[in-house]
């Protein structure tokens, strides 16, 4: 149900872009107004979510630890899995952000005949996640050529390396193939795995279909349709310089592509895709585990009136002595 609902939602978005540009003729709306509105929604939404996380109370250290904490000098500690200072926290965050270290170490459990529980690594999931995120990053950097004039030499070099195999004409870029394959794997993983399919919600499928729609429309423009790149670059430079002009040469597929991108930008602050910022705000990741070195007292704890043992004994000394209970002071 969630798969069909999410797929239908993306199909409806594509039909809206087609109807709006081809039937209604709202080319300026889909080429200028909606992209600007999406960027504003993205920036405001991300700032709001980050500030909301920043206001969350974290009175003591709660990092996720998977190794020996730093204690005595002769006991070897796990500096990455149990960082005790800022330097090792930064090292851990670097490996987490750029290489998905925790996902690489992740395991899945399966109940087999016996019954027994078997644990197995999830390296394919890690590989697909790495392939998708790194390919997406390279694709985003490559797209900077449409917003810059003249195009820097390093950007040209990056695109040449991306098309190193020189297959076909236009040359097939490696990241285009990898990003489609990785998104397809991540989708099939949710559909084929019965347990994961049961746990998956429309909010899990919708971003996948939306990203697939963006990727496929971009691939379609590059390899299968005639696209006026000069007009597209003119529009892109106009958008960043706040003087956009939508040429009549801009094709329908481009409007579908940019509309889906706009929807994705506006959707990110409302979805799980905010993990790109949330990973930096997570106290389970960005804090050092120095609880044995420094005592952390919750400043929000209310003041509690205590009744000490001395006060208790002074109050009930006669009764305690009558009951034969020992007392610290006779009087």
C-alpha atoms as a PDB file:
ATOM      1  CA  UNK A   1       0.000   0.000   0.000  1.00  0.00           C
ATOM      2  CA  UNK A   2       2.793   2.395   0.935  1.00  0.00           C
ATOM      3  CA  UNK A   3       4.657   1.596  -2.297  1.00  0.00           C
ATOM      4  CA  UNK A   4       1.695   2.341  -4.538  1.00  0.00           C
ATOM      5  CA  UNK A   5       0.743   5.469  -2.620  1.00  0.00           C
ATOM      6  CA  UNK A   6       4.283   6.888  -2.873  1.00  0.00           C
ATOM      7  CA  UNK A   7       4.617   5.933  -6.540  1.00  0.00           C
ATOM      8  CA  UNK A   8       1.260   7.520  -7.318  1.00  0.00           C
ATOM      9  CA  UNK A   9       2.311  10.706  -5.496  1.00  0.00           C
ATOM     10  CA  UNK A  10       5.432  11.056  -7.653  1.00  0.00           C
ATOM     11  CA  UNK A  11       3.458  10.300 -10.839  1.00  0.00           C
ATOM     12  CA  UNK A  12       0.962  13.016  -9.875  1.00  0.00           C
ATOM     13  CA  UNK A  13       3.831  15.473  -9.372  1.00  0.00           C
ATOM     14  CA  UNK A  14       5.159  14.657 -12.849  1.00  0.00           C
ATOM     15  CA  UNK A  15       1.693  15.140 -14.353  1.00  0.00           C
ATOM     16  CA  UNK A  16       1.372  18.490 -12.560  1.00  0.00           C
ATOM     17  CA  UNK A  17       4.616  19.677 -14.134  1.00  0.00           C
ATOM     18  CA  UNK A  18       3.528  18.445 -17.578  1.00  0.00           C
ATOM     19  CA  UNK A  19       0.074  20.000 -17.348  1.00  0.00           C
ATOM     20  CA  UNK A  20       1.361  23.243 -15.881  1.00  0.00           C
ATOM     21  CA  UNK A  21       3.967  23.863 -18.565  1.00  0.00           C
ATOM     22  CA  UNK A  22       2.436  22.283 -21.679  1.00  0.00           C
ATOM     23  CA  UNK A  23      -1.296  22.867 -21.159  1.00  0.00           C
ATOM     24  CA  UNK A  24      -1.470  25.936 -18.922  1.00  0.00           C
ATOM     25  CA  UNK A  25       1.754  27.521 -20.185  1.00  0.00           C
ATOM     26  CA  UNK A  26       3.003  28.402 -16.699  1.00  0.00           C
ATOM     27  CA  UNK A  27       6.657  28.133 -17.669  1.00  0.00           C
ATOM     28  CA  UNK A  28       7.737  31.055 -15.478  1.00  0.00           C
ATOM     29  CA  UNK A  29       5.916  29.530 -12.518  1.00  0.00           C
ATOM     30  CA  UNK A  30       7.658  26.166 -12.810  1.00  0.00           C
ATOM     31  CA  UNK A  31      10.994  27.584 -13.964  1.00  0.00           C
ATOM     32  CA  UNK A  32      11.345  30.567 -11.615  1.00  0.00           C
ATOM     33  CA  UNK A  33       8.725  30.966  -8.881  1.00  0.00           C
ATOM     34  CA  UNK A  34       8.585  27.371  -7.624  1.00  0.00           C
ATOM     35  CA  UNK A  35      12.409  26.907  -7.508  1.00  0.00           C
ATOM     36  CA  UNK A  36      12.791  30.155  -5.542  1.00  0.00           C
ATOM     37  CA  UNK A  37       9.991  29.141  -3.157  1.00  0.00           C
ATOM     38  CA  UNK A  38      11.557  25.681  -2.694  1.00  0.00           C
ATOM     39  CA  UNK A  39      14.969  27.130  -1.823  1.00  0.00           C
ATOM     40  CA  UNK A  40      13.396  29.520   0.698  1.00  0.00           C
ATOM     41  CA  UNK A  41      11.394  26.657   2.247  1.00  0.00           C
ATOM     42  CA  UNK A  42      14.531  24.516   2.382  1.00  0.00           C
ATOM     43  CA  UNK A  43      16.684  27.173   4.067  1.00  0.00           C
ATOM     44  CA  UNK A  44      14.032  28.225   6.579  1.00  0.00           C
ATOM     45  CA  UNK A  45      13.069  24.626   7.328  1.00  0.00           C
ATOM     46  CA  UNK A  46      16.646  23.478   7.897  1.00  0.00           C
ATOM     47  CA  UNK A  47      17.421  26.468  10.136  1.00  0.00           C
ATOM     48  CA  UNK A  48      14.244  25.857  12.140  1.00  0.00           C
ATOM     49  CA  UNK A  49      14.999  22.145  12.640  1.00  0.00           C
ATOM     50  CA  UNK A  50      18.623  22.798  13.611  1.00  0.00           C
ATOM     51  CA  UNK A  51      17.679  25.533  16.087  1.00  0.00           C
ATOM     52  CA  UNK A  52      15.008  23.271  17.552  1.00  0.00           C
ATOM     53  CA  UNK A  53      17.557  20.503  18.054  1.00  0.00           C
ATOM     54  CA  UNK A  54      20.044  23.002  19.490  1.00  0.00           C
ATOM     55  CA  UNK A  55      17.519  24.073  22.129  1.00  0.00           C
ATOM     56  CA  UNK A  56      17.047  20.487  23.320  1.00  0.00           C
ATOM     57  CA  UNK A  57      18.418  19.963  26.808  1.00  0.00           C
ATOM     58  CA  UNK A  58      21.494  17.720  27.005  1.00  0.00           C
ATOM     59  CA  UNK A  59      22.556  18.033  30.654  1.00  0.00           C
ATOM     60  CA  UNK A  60      24.937  15.056  30.654  1.00  0.00           C
ATOM     61  CA  UNK A  61      26.998  13.013  28.217  1.00  0.00           C
ATOM     62  CA  UNK A  62      25.106  10.226  26.419  1.00  0.00           C
ATOM     63  CA  UNK A  63      27.414   9.140  23.564  1.00  0.00           C
ATOM     64  CA  UNK A  64      26.919   5.755  21.964  1.00  0.00           C
ATOM     65  CA  UNK A  65      29.905   3.652  22.999  1.00  0.00           C
ATOM     66  CA  UNK A  66      31.134   0.336  21.614  1.00  0.00           C
ATOM     67  CA  UNK A  67      34.502  -0.049  23.305  1.00  0.00           C
ATOM     68  CA  UNK A  68      36.608   0.394  26.418  1.00  0.00           C
ATOM     69  CA  UNK A  69      36.315   3.786  28.077  1.00  0.00           C
ATOM     70  CA  UNK A  70      39.478   5.694  29.002  1.00  0.00           C
ATOM     71  CA  UNK A  71      40.325   4.892  32.605  1.00  0.00           C
ATOM     72  CA  UNK A  72      43.744   3.993  34.004  1.00  0.00           C
ATOM     73  CA  UNK A  73      46.875   4.590  31.900  1.00  0.00           C
ATOM     74  CA  UNK A  74      47.689   0.883  31.640  1.00  0.00           C
ATOM     75  CA  UNK A  75      44.202  -0.025  30.314  1.00  0.00           C
ATOM     76  CA  UNK A  76      43.980   0.444  26.551  1.00  0.00           C
ATOM     77  CA  UNK A  77      40.912   2.465  25.557  1.00  0.00           C
ATOM     78  CA  UNK A  78      38.990   2.492  22.288  1.00  0.00           C
ATOM     79  CA  UNK A  79      39.557   6.031  21.053  1.00  0.00           C
ATOM     80  CA  UNK A  80      37.147   5.921  18.107  1.00  0.00           C
ATOM     81  CA  UNK A  81      34.363   3.841  19.608  1.00  0.00           C
ATOM     82  CA  UNK A  82      34.607   5.550  22.991  1.00  0.00           C
ATOM     83  CA  UNK A  83      36.187   8.976  22.393  1.00  0.00           C
ATOM     84  CA  UNK A  84      37.305  10.834  25.513  1.00  0.00           C
ATOM     85  CA  UNK A  85      38.157  14.234  24.023  1.00  0.00           C
ATOM     86  CA  UNK A  86      37.208  16.557  21.167  1.00  0.00           C
ATOM     87  CA  UNK A  87      39.915  15.334  18.789  1.00  0.00           C
ATOM     88  CA  UNK A  88      38.694  11.739  18.791  1.00  0.00           C
ATOM     89  CA  UNK A  89      35.092  12.907  18.564  1.00  0.00           C
ATOM     90  CA  UNK A  90      36.006  14.771  15.374  1.00  0.00           C
ATOM     91  CA  UNK A  91      37.775  11.680  14.020  1.00  0.00           C
ATOM     92  CA  UNK A  92      34.731   9.570  14.785  1.00  0.00           C
ATOM     93  CA  UNK A  93      32.392  12.096  13.170  1.00  0.00           C
ATOM     94  CA  UNK A  94      34.600  12.290  10.074  1.00  0.00           C
ATOM     95  CA  UNK A  95      34.470   8.523   9.569  1.00  0.00           C
ATOM     96  CA  UNK A  96      30.734   8.519  10.249  1.00  0.00           C
ATOM     97  CA  UNK A  97      29.883  11.330   7.825  1.00  0.00           C
ATOM     98  CA  UNK A  98      32.155  10.399   4.956  1.00  0.00           C
ATOM     99  CA  UNK A  99      32.417   6.604   5.283  1.00  0.00           C
ATOM    100  CA  UNK A 100      29.303   5.528   7.272  1.00  0.00           C
ATOM    101  CA  UNK A 101      31.418   3.670   9.812  1.00  0.00           C
ATOM    102  CA  UNK A 102      28.519   2.604  12.039  1.00  0.00           C
ATOM    103  CA  UNK A 103      26.598   1.233   9.037  1.00  0.00           C
ATOM    104  CA  UNK A 104      29.711  -0.665   7.927  1.00  0.00           C
ATOM    105  CA  UNK A 105      29.825  -2.345  11.352  1.00  0.00           C
ATOM    106  CA  UNK A 106      26.084  -3.036  11.398  1.00  0.00           C
ATOM    107  CA  UNK A 107      24.750  -6.601  11.573  1.00  0.00           C
ATOM    108  CA  UNK A 108      21.364  -8.212  10.997  1.00  0.00           C
ATOM    109  CA  UNK A 109      19.870 -11.073  13.019  1.00  0.00           C
ATOM    110  CA  UNK A 110      18.014 -14.050  11.540  1.00  0.00           C
ATOM    111  CA  UNK A 111      16.195 -16.811  13.438  1.00  0.00           C
ATOM    112  CA  UNK A 112      16.943 -20.243  11.928  1.00  0.00           C
ATOM    113  CA  UNK A 113      16.037 -23.805  12.759  1.00  0.00           C
ATOM    114  CA  UNK A 114      16.855 -24.752  16.300  1.00  0.00           C
ATOM    115  CA  UNK A 115      15.747 -22.090  17.055  1.00  0.00           C
ATOM    116  CA  UNK A 116      19.017 -20.211  16.785  1.00  0.00           C
ATOM    117  CA  UNK A 117      19.875 -16.597  16.082  1.00  0.00           C
ATOM    118  CA  UNK A 118      22.488 -15.966  13.418  1.00  0.00           C
ATOM    119  CA  UNK A 119      24.161 -12.595  12.980  1.00  0.00           C
ATOM    120  CA  UNK A 120      25.430 -11.537   9.575  1.00  0.00           C
ATOM    121  CA  UNK A 121      26.990  -8.307   8.251  1.00  0.00           C
ATOM    122  CA  UNK A 122      25.061  -5.843   6.077  1.00  0.00           C
ATOM    123  CA  UNK A 123      27.912  -4.824   3.796  1.00  0.00           C
ATOM    124  CA  UNK A 124      25.648  -4.613   0.726  1.00  0.00           C
ATOM    125  CA  UNK A 125      23.530  -1.988   2.451  1.00  0.00           C
ATOM    126  CA  UNK A 126      26.671  -0.079   3.398  1.00  0.00           C
ATOM    127  CA  UNK A 127      27.996  -0.280  -0.177  1.00  0.00           C
ATOM    128  CA  UNK A 128      24.695   0.905  -1.667  1.00  0.00           C
ATOM    129  CA  UNK A 129      24.498   3.792   0.819  1.00  0.00           C
ATOM    130  CA  UNK A 130      28.066   4.831   0.099  1.00  0.00           C
ATOM    131  CA  UNK A 131      27.548   4.553  -3.670  1.00  0.00           C
ATOM    132  CA  UNK A 132      24.378   6.642  -3.583  1.00  0.00           C
ATOM    133  CA  UNK A 133      25.629   9.423  -1.315  1.00  0.00           C
ATOM    134  CA  UNK A 134      29.006   9.829  -2.990  1.00  0.00           C
ATOM    135  CA  UNK A 135      27.460   9.717  -6.458  1.00  0.00           C
ATOM    136  CA  UNK A 136      24.873  12.292  -5.408  1.00  0.00           C
ATOM    137  CA  UNK A 137      27.627  14.544  -4.081  1.00  0.00           C
ATOM    138  CA  UNK A 138      29.583  14.303  -7.340  1.00  0.00           C
ATOM    139  CA  UNK A 139      26.430  14.933  -9.392  1.00  0.00           C
ATOM    140  CA  UNK A 140      25.630  18.022  -7.334  1.00  0.00           C
ATOM    141  CA  UNK A 141      29.168  19.342  -7.791  1.00  0.00           C
ATOM    142  CA  UNK A 142      29.001  18.634 -11.510  1.00  0.00           C
ATOM    143  CA  UNK A 143      25.779  20.644 -11.745  1.00  0.00           C
ATOM    144  CA  UNK A 144      27.682  23.708 -10.536  1.00  0.00           C
ATOM    145  CA  UNK A 145      28.851  24.160 -14.133  1.00  0.00           C
ATOM    146  CA  UNK A 146      25.376  25.450 -14.993  1.00  0.00           C
ATOM    147  CA  UNK A 147      25.596  28.205 -12.394  1.00  0.00           C
ATOM    148  CA  UNK A 148      29.176  29.371 -13.066  1.00  0.00           C
ATOM    149  CA  UNK A 149      30.683  31.111 -16.047  1.00  0.00           C
ATOM    150  CA  UNK A 150      33.457  30.473 -16.921  1.00  0.00           C
ATOM    151  CA  UNK A 151      33.490  26.880 -15.705  1.00  0.00           C
ATOM    152  CA  UNK A 152      36.531  26.189 -13.461  1.00  0.00           C
ATOM    153  CA  UNK A 153      39.117  23.774 -14.819  1.00  0.00           C
ATOM    154  CA  UNK A 154      38.801  21.479 -11.782  1.00  0.00           C
ATOM    155  CA  UNK A 155      35.102  21.047 -12.531  1.00  0.00           C
ATOM    156  CA  UNK A 156      35.878  20.076 -16.123  1.00  0.00           C
ATOM    157  CA  UNK A 157      38.477  17.617 -14.845  1.00  0.00           C
ATOM    158  CA  UNK A 158      35.948  16.078 -12.463  1.00  0.00           C
ATOM    159  CA  UNK A 159      33.454  15.531 -15.270  1.00  0.00           C
ATOM    160  CA  UNK A 160      36.169  14.031 -17.477  1.00  0.00           C
ATOM    161  CA  UNK A 161      37.099  11.605 -14.704  1.00  0.00           C
ATOM    162  CA  UNK A 162      33.423  10.758 -14.231  1.00  0.00           C
ATOM    163  CA  UNK A 163      33.235   9.811 -17.914  1.00  0.00           C
ATOM    164  CA  UNK A 164      36.595   8.045 -17.883  1.00  0.00           C
ATOM    165  CA  UNK A 165      35.298   4.906 -19.600  1.00  0.00           C
ATOM    166  CA  UNK A 166      34.079   6.972 -22.611  1.00  0.00           C
ATOM    167  CA  UNK A 167      31.151   4.709 -23.403  1.00  0.00           C
ATOM    168  CA  UNK A 168      28.638   5.947 -25.962  1.00  0.00           C
ATOM    169  CA  UNK A 169      27.921   9.435 -27.223  1.00  0.00           C
ATOM    170  CA  UNK A 170      27.227  11.492 -25.228  1.00  0.00           C
ATOM    171  CA  UNK A 171      29.674   9.803 -22.898  1.00  0.00           C
ATOM    172  CA  UNK A 172      27.979   7.814 -20.157  1.00  0.00           C
ATOM    173  CA  UNK A 173      28.980   9.194 -16.767  1.00  0.00           C
ATOM    174  CA  UNK A 174      29.778   6.622 -14.096  1.00  0.00           C
ATOM    175  CA  UNK A 175      27.855   8.425 -11.371  1.00  0.00           C
ATOM    176  CA  UNK A 176      24.662   8.358 -13.470  1.00  0.00           C
ATOM    177  CA  UNK A 177      24.797   4.569 -13.615  1.00  0.00           C
ATOM    178  CA  UNK A 178      25.828   4.145  -9.991  1.00  0.00           C
ATOM    179  CA  UNK A 179      23.155   6.435  -8.536  1.00  0.00           C
ATOM    180  CA  UNK A 180      20.347   4.702 -10.472  1.00  0.00           C
ATOM    181  CA  UNK A 181      21.656   1.257  -9.483  1.00  0.00           C
ATOM    182  CA  UNK A 182      22.050   2.171  -5.801  1.00  0.00           C
ATOM    183  CA  UNK A 183      18.577   3.734  -5.567  1.00  0.00           C
ATOM    184  CA  UNK A 184      17.106   0.666  -7.251  1.00  0.00           C
ATOM    185  CA  UNK A 185      18.872  -1.596  -4.755  1.00  0.00           C
ATOM    186  CA  UNK A 186      17.648   0.463  -1.778  1.00  0.00           C
ATOM    187  CA  UNK A 187      14.085   0.258  -3.121  1.00  0.00           C
ATOM    188  CA  UNK A 188      14.192  -3.490  -3.870  1.00  0.00           C
ATOM    189  CA  UNK A 189      15.675  -4.123  -0.428  1.00  0.00           C
ATOM    190  CA  UNK A 190      12.534  -2.695   1.166  1.00  0.00           C
ATOM    191  CA  UNK A 191      10.244  -4.649  -1.152  1.00  0.00           C
ATOM    192  CA  UNK A 192      11.968  -8.055  -1.138  1.00  0.00           C
ATOM    193  CA  UNK A 193      12.749  -8.264   2.590  1.00  0.00           C
ATOM    194  CA  UNK A 194       9.454  -9.257   4.234  1.00  0.00           C
ATOM    195  CA  UNK A 195      10.315  -7.848   7.665  1.00  0.00           C
ATOM    196  CA  UNK A 196      11.575  -4.578   6.237  1.00  0.00           C
ATOM    197  CA  UNK A 197       8.531  -4.311   3.966  1.00  0.00           C
ATOM    198  CA  UNK A 198       6.278  -4.679   7.017  1.00  0.00           C
ATOM    199  CA  UNK A 199       8.122  -1.887   8.833  1.00  0.00           C
ATOM    200  CA  UNK A 200       8.337   0.486   5.851  1.00  0.00           C
ATOM    201  CA  UNK A 201       6.010   3.469   5.638  1.00  0.00           C
ATOM    202  CA  UNK A 202       5.063   5.761   2.726  1.00  0.00           C
ATOM    203  CA  UNK A 203       7.601   8.220   4.161  1.00  0.00           C
ATOM    204  CA  UNK A 204      10.298   5.612   3.420  1.00  0.00           C
ATOM    205  CA  UNK A 205       9.248   4.984  -0.184  1.00  0.00           C
ATOM    206  CA  UNK A 206       8.365   8.524  -1.251  1.00  0.00           C
ATOM    207  CA  UNK A 207      11.950   9.930  -1.065  1.00  0.00           C
ATOM    208  CA  UNK A 208      13.230   6.929  -3.022  1.00  0.00           C
ATOM    209  CA  UNK A 209      10.692   7.405  -5.820  1.00  0.00           C
ATOM    210  CA  UNK A 210      11.276  11.156  -5.793  1.00  0.00           C
ATOM    211  CA  UNK A 211      15.046  10.714  -6.089  1.00  0.00           C
ATOM    212  CA  UNK A 212      14.558   8.101  -8.795  1.00  0.00           C
ATOM    213  CA  UNK A 213      12.272  10.502 -10.676  1.00  0.00           C
ATOM    214  CA  UNK A 214      14.871  13.266 -10.458  1.00  0.00           C
ATOM    215  CA  UNK A 215      17.681  10.952 -11.533  1.00  0.00           C
ATOM    216  CA  UNK A 216      15.787   9.301 -14.386  1.00  0.00           C
ATOM    217  CA  UNK A 217      14.571  12.641 -15.742  1.00  0.00           C
ATOM    218  CA  UNK A 218      18.135  13.971 -15.645  1.00  0.00           C
ATOM    219  CA  UNK A 219      19.460  10.858 -17.385  1.00  0.00           C
ATOM    220  CA  UNK A 220      16.660  11.116 -19.955  1.00  0.00           C
ATOM    221  CA  UNK A 221      17.641  14.704 -20.733  1.00  0.00           C
ATOM    222  CA  UNK A 222      21.300  13.834 -21.143  1.00  0.00           C
ATOM    223  CA  UNK A 223      21.075  10.647 -23.190  1.00  0.00           C
ATOM    224  CA  UNK A 224      17.686  10.405 -24.907  1.00  0.00           C
ATOM    225  CA  UNK A 225      16.281  13.841 -25.694  1.00  0.00           C
ATOM    226  CA  UNK A 226      17.623  16.944 -27.341  1.00  0.00           C
ATOM    227  CA  UNK A 227      18.159  19.504 -24.593  1.00  0.00           C
ATOM    228  CA  UNK A 228      19.208  23.096 -25.178  1.00  0.00           C
ATOM    229  CA  UNK A 229      21.962  23.366 -22.578  1.00  0.00           C
ATOM    230  CA  UNK A 230      22.609  27.015 -23.471  1.00  0.00           C
ATOM    231  CA  UNK A 231      19.042  27.978 -22.527  1.00  0.00           C
ATOM    232  CA  UNK A 232      19.202  25.918 -19.355  1.00  0.00           C
ATOM    233  CA  UNK A 233      22.479  27.501 -18.312  1.00  0.00           C
ATOM    234  CA  UNK A 234      21.072  30.942 -19.090  1.00  0.00           C
ATOM    235  CA  UNK A 235      18.152  30.198 -16.777  1.00  0.00           C
ATOM    236  CA  UNK A 236      20.422  28.763 -14.061  1.00  0.00           C
ATOM    237  CA  UNK A 237      22.754  31.772 -14.084  1.00  0.00           C
ATOM    238  CA  UNK A 238      19.700  34.029 -14.089  1.00  0.00           C
ATOM    239  CA  UNK A 239      18.331  32.255 -11.009  1.00  0.00           C
ATOM    240  CA  UNK A 240      21.500  32.776  -8.975  1.00  0.00           C
ATOM    241  CA  UNK A 241      21.841  36.387 -10.167  1.00  0.00           C
ATOM    242  CA  UNK A 242      18.129  37.108  -9.535  1.00  0.00           C
ATOM    243  CA  UNK A 243      17.474  37.952 -13.176  1.00  0.00           C
ATOM    244  CA  UNK A 244      16.022  34.686 -14.564  1.00  0.00           C
ATOM    245  CA  UNK A 245      14.691  34.317 -18.092  1.00  0.00           C
ATOM    246  CA  UNK A 246      12.872  31.192 -19.270  1.00  0.00           C
ATOM    247  CA  UNK A 247      13.668  30.594 -22.923  1.00  0.00           C
ATOM    248  CA  UNK A 248      11.167  28.982 -25.260  1.00  0.00           C
ATOM    249  CA  UNK A 249      13.875  26.443 -26.114  1.00  0.00           C
ATOM    250  CA  UNK A 250      13.738  24.879 -22.641  1.00  0.00           C
ATOM    251  CA  UNK A 251      12.110  21.451 -23.020  1.00  0.00           C
ATOM    252  CA  UNK A 252       9.367  19.733 -21.052  1.00  0.00           C
ATOM    253  CA  UNK A 253      11.654  17.170 -19.373  1.00  0.00           C
ATOM    254  CA  UNK A 254      13.658  19.978 -17.790  1.00  0.00           C
ATOM    255  CA  UNK A 255      10.532  21.413 -16.150  1.00  0.00           C
ATOM    256  CA  UNK A 256       9.678  17.971 -14.785  1.00  0.00           C
ATOM    257  CA  UNK A 257      13.234  17.635 -13.505  1.00  0.00           C
ATOM    258  CA  UNK A 258      13.417  21.016 -11.793  1.00  0.00           C
ATOM    259  CA  UNK A 259       9.903  20.650 -10.344  1.00  0.00           C
ATOM    260  CA  UNK A 260      10.807  17.328  -8.725  1.00  0.00           C
ATOM    261  CA  UNK A 261      14.021  18.888  -7.401  1.00  0.00           C
ATOM    262  CA  UNK A 262      11.990  21.762  -5.953  1.00  0.00           C
ATOM    263  CA  UNK A 263       9.599  19.342  -4.268  1.00  0.00           C
ATOM    264  CA  UNK A 264      12.563  17.451  -2.807  1.00  0.00           C
ATOM    265  CA  UNK A 265      14.109  20.648  -1.430  1.00  0.00           C
ATOM    266  CA  UNK A 266      10.855  21.683   0.230  1.00  0.00           C
ATOM    267  CA  UNK A 267      10.292  18.147   1.538  1.00  0.00           C
ATOM    268  CA  UNK A 268      13.731  17.625   3.111  1.00  0.00           C
ATOM    269  CA  UNK A 269      13.142  19.660   6.318  1.00  0.00           C
ATOM    270  CA  UNK A 270       9.933  17.680   6.944  1.00  0.00           C
ATOM    271  CA  UNK A 271      11.408  14.226   6.441  1.00  0.00           C
ATOM    272  CA  UNK A 272      14.049  11.747   7.518  1.00  0.00           C
ATOM    273  CA  UNK A 273      16.343  13.262   4.905  1.00  0.00           C
ATOM    274  CA  UNK A 274      17.236  15.854   7.546  1.00  0.00           C
ATOM    275  CA  UNK A 275      19.721  13.288   8.822  1.00  0.00           C
ATOM    276  CA  UNK A 276      22.322  15.172   6.767  1.00  0.00           C
ATOM    277  CA  UNK A 277      22.172  17.884   9.465  1.00  0.00           C
ATOM    278  CA  UNK A 278      20.910  15.739  12.329  1.00  0.00           C
ATOM    279  CA  UNK A 279      24.068  13.629  12.430  1.00  0.00           C
ATOM    280  CA  UNK A 280      25.992  16.718  13.561  1.00  0.00           C
ATOM    281  CA  UNK A 281      23.403  17.547  16.246  1.00  0.00           C
ATOM    282  CA  UNK A 282      23.123  14.074  17.756  1.00  0.00           C
ATOM    283  CA  UNK A 283      24.460  13.967  21.348  1.00  0.00           C
ATOM    284  CA  UNK A 284      25.080  10.240  20.916  1.00  0.00           C
ATOM    285  CA  UNK A 285      27.717  11.127  18.312  1.00  0.00           C
ATOM    286  CA  UNK A 286      29.071  14.617  18.975  1.00  0.00           C
ATOM    287  CA  UNK A 287      29.969  14.275  22.667  1.00  0.00           C
ATOM    288  CA  UNK A 288      33.069  12.888  24.319  1.00  0.00           C
ATOM    289  CA  UNK A 289      32.559  10.193  26.939  1.00  0.00           C
ATOM    290  CA  UNK A 290      34.404  11.816  29.833  1.00  0.00           C
ATOM    291  CA  UNK A 291      31.974  10.859  32.602  1.00  0.00           C
ATOM    292  CA  UNK A 292      34.761   9.305  34.685  1.00  0.00           C
ATOM    293  CA  UNK A 293      36.878  12.424  34.417  1.00  0.00           C
ATOM    294  CA  UNK A 294      34.236  15.036  35.055  1.00  0.00           C
ATOM    295  CA  UNK A 295      30.997  14.852  36.990  1.00  0.00           C
ATOM    296  CA  UNK A 296      28.038  16.180  34.990  1.00  0.00           C
ATOM    297  CA  UNK A 297      25.178  17.486  37.128  1.00  0.00           C
ATOM    298  CA  UNK A 298      21.824  18.187  35.561  1.00  0.00           C
ATOM    299  CA  UNK A 299      21.251  21.946  36.047  1.00  0.00           C
ATOM    300  CA  UNK A 300      17.506  21.422  35.583  1.00  0.00           C
ATOM    301  CA  UNK A 301      17.157  19.116  38.581  1.00  0.00           C
ATOM    302  CA  UNK A 302      14.740  20.679  41.103  1.00  0.00           C
ATOM    303  CA  UNK A 303      15.998  21.358  44.602  1.00  0.00           C
ATOM    304  CA  UNK A 304      14.823  18.554  46.874  1.00  0.00           C
ATOM    305  CA  UNK A 305      14.507  18.895  50.644  1.00  0.00           C
ATOM    306  CA  UNK A 306      16.358  15.919  52.099  1.00  0.00           C
ATOM    307  CA  UNK A 307      16.005  14.259  55.500  1.00  0.00           C
ATOM    308  CA  UNK A 308      19.452  13.115  56.637  1.00  0.00           C
ATOM    309  CA  UNK A 309      20.047  10.089  58.811  1.00  0.00           C
ATOM    310  CA  UNK A 310      21.254  12.306  61.656  1.00  0.00           C
ATOM    311  CA  UNK A 311      17.960  14.184  61.555  1.00  0.00           C
ATOM    312  CA  UNK A 312      16.059  10.891  61.345  1.00  0.00           C
ATOM    313  CA  UNK A 313      17.873   9.503  64.388  1.00  0.00           C
ATOM    314  CA  UNK A 314      17.334  12.669  66.385  1.00  0.00           C
ATOM    315  CA  UNK A 315      13.624  12.422  65.640  1.00  0.00           C
ATOM    316  CA  UNK A 316      13.164   8.720  66.422  1.00  0.00           C
ATOM    317  CA  UNK A 317      16.056   7.964  68.820  1.00  0.00           C
ATOM    318  CA  UNK A 318      13.866   7.049  71.757  1.00  0.00           C
ATOM    319  CA  UNK A 319      11.705   4.751  69.664  1.00  0.00           C
ATOM    320  CA  UNK A 320      14.764   3.112  68.100  1.00  0.00           C
ATOM    321  CA  UNK A 321      16.350   2.469  71.479  1.00  0.00           C
ATOM    322  CA  UNK A 322      13.071   1.074  72.798  1.00  0.00           C
ATOM    323  CA  UNK A 323      12.910  -1.303  69.820  1.00  0.00           C
ATOM    324  CA  UNK A 324      16.503  -2.401  70.396  1.00  0.00           C
ATOM    325  CA  UNK A 325      17.850  -0.782  67.237  1.00  0.00           C
ATOM    326  CA  UNK A 326      21.431   0.535  67.304  1.00  0.00           C
ATOM    327  CA  UNK A 327      21.946   4.291  67.297  1.00  0.00           C
ATOM    328  CA  UNK A 328      24.999   6.369  66.515  1.00  0.00           C
ATOM    329  CA  UNK A 329      24.488   8.783  69.401  1.00  0.00           C
ATOM    330  CA  UNK A 330      22.990   8.054  72.771  1.00  0.00           C
ATOM    331  CA  UNK A 331      21.751  11.632  73.182  1.00  0.00           C
END
